[in-house]
Protein backbone atom coordinates (compact mmCIF):
# COMPACT_ATOMS: atom_id res chain seq x y z
CA UNK A 1 -106.10 42.99 57.12
CA UNK A 2 -107.08 46.42 56.11
CA UNK A 3 -108.36 49.39 57.85
CA UNK A 4 -111.55 50.95 57.02
CA UNK A 5 -112.96 54.29 58.53
CA UNK A 6 -116.45 54.06 56.79
CA UNK A 7 -117.89 53.97 60.33
CA UNK A 8 -116.36 57.35 61.17
CA UNK A 9 -117.62 59.15 57.98
CA UNK A 10 -121.00 57.62 58.44
CA UNK A 11 -120.81 58.93 62.18
CA UNK A 12 -119.62 62.56 60.93
CA UNK A 13 -122.56 62.39 58.59
CA UNK A 14 -125.18 61.43 61.58
CA UNK A 15 -123.41 64.43 63.64
CA UNK A 16 -123.67 66.84 60.78
CA UNK A 17 -120.04 67.57 61.06
CA UNK A 18 -117.41 68.18 58.24
CA UNK A 19 -114.10 66.61 58.19
CA UNK A 20 -112.40 70.17 58.62
CA UNK A 21 -114.64 70.57 61.80
CA UNK A 22 -113.50 67.26 62.97
CA UNK A 23 -109.97 68.20 62.27
CA UNK A 24 -110.43 71.47 64.56
CA UNK A 25 -112.23 69.72 67.23
CA UNK A 26 -109.93 66.95 67.53
CA UNK A 27 -106.90 69.14 67.13
CA UNK A 28 -105.41 66.91 64.34
CA UNK A 29 -104.06 67.99 60.93
CA UNK A 30 -105.73 68.29 57.57
CA UNK A 31 -103.15 65.73 56.57
CA UNK A 32 -104.20 63.29 59.03
CA UNK A 33 -107.53 63.68 58.12
CA UNK A 34 -106.55 62.84 54.53
CA UNK A 35 -104.67 59.50 55.64
CA UNK A 36 -107.81 58.47 57.32
CA UNK A 37 -109.79 59.38 54.17
CA UNK A 38 -107.48 56.95 52.14
CA UNK A 39 -107.71 54.36 54.84
CA UNK A 40 -104.18 54.68 55.93
CA UNK A 41 -102.73 53.85 59.37
CA UNK A 42 -102.71 56.65 61.89
CA UNK A 43 -101.48 56.49 65.72
CA UNK A 44 -103.70 55.27 68.37
CA UNK A 45 -103.09 58.77 69.97
CA UNK A 46 -104.85 60.34 67.00
CA UNK A 47 -107.91 57.88 67.17
CA UNK A 48 -108.14 58.75 70.83
CA UNK A 49 -108.53 62.54 70.10
CA UNK A 50 -110.95 61.92 67.45
CA UNK A 51 -113.08 59.45 69.96
CA UNK A 52 -112.68 62.25 72.69
CA UNK A 53 -114.02 64.88 70.29
CA UNK A 54 -117.02 62.69 68.89
CA UNK A 55 -117.61 61.32 72.37
CA UNK A 56 -117.45 57.70 71.04
CA UNK A 57 -115.57 54.56 71.28
CA UNK A 58 -112.71 53.18 69.12
CA UNK A 59 -115.21 50.71 67.49
CA UNK A 60 -117.57 53.54 66.44
CA UNK A 61 -114.87 54.63 63.90
CA UNK A 62 -112.99 51.93 62.81
CA UNK A 63 -113.05 48.21 61.30
CA UNK A 64 -110.55 45.96 60.15
CA UNK A 65 -111.63 43.79 57.20
CA UNK A 66 -110.05 41.43 55.02
CA UNK A 67 -107.55 42.59 52.28
CA UNK A 68 -109.63 40.63 49.74
CA UNK A 69 -112.74 42.79 50.11
């Protein structure tokens, strides 16, 4: 299984928000945003902060895909 944050990036576009603004609003580092951008794993605490900042649910920002895709 691979982690995809495409939903998160689409949500940011819909909310007209930059990644830097998300980092500030969710109180996460730019390094964490970069990890998300590369599809790397982050803690559930980080995902919770992002969901709180964007007023959304976890399945609005993340999805799991087959490694083959």
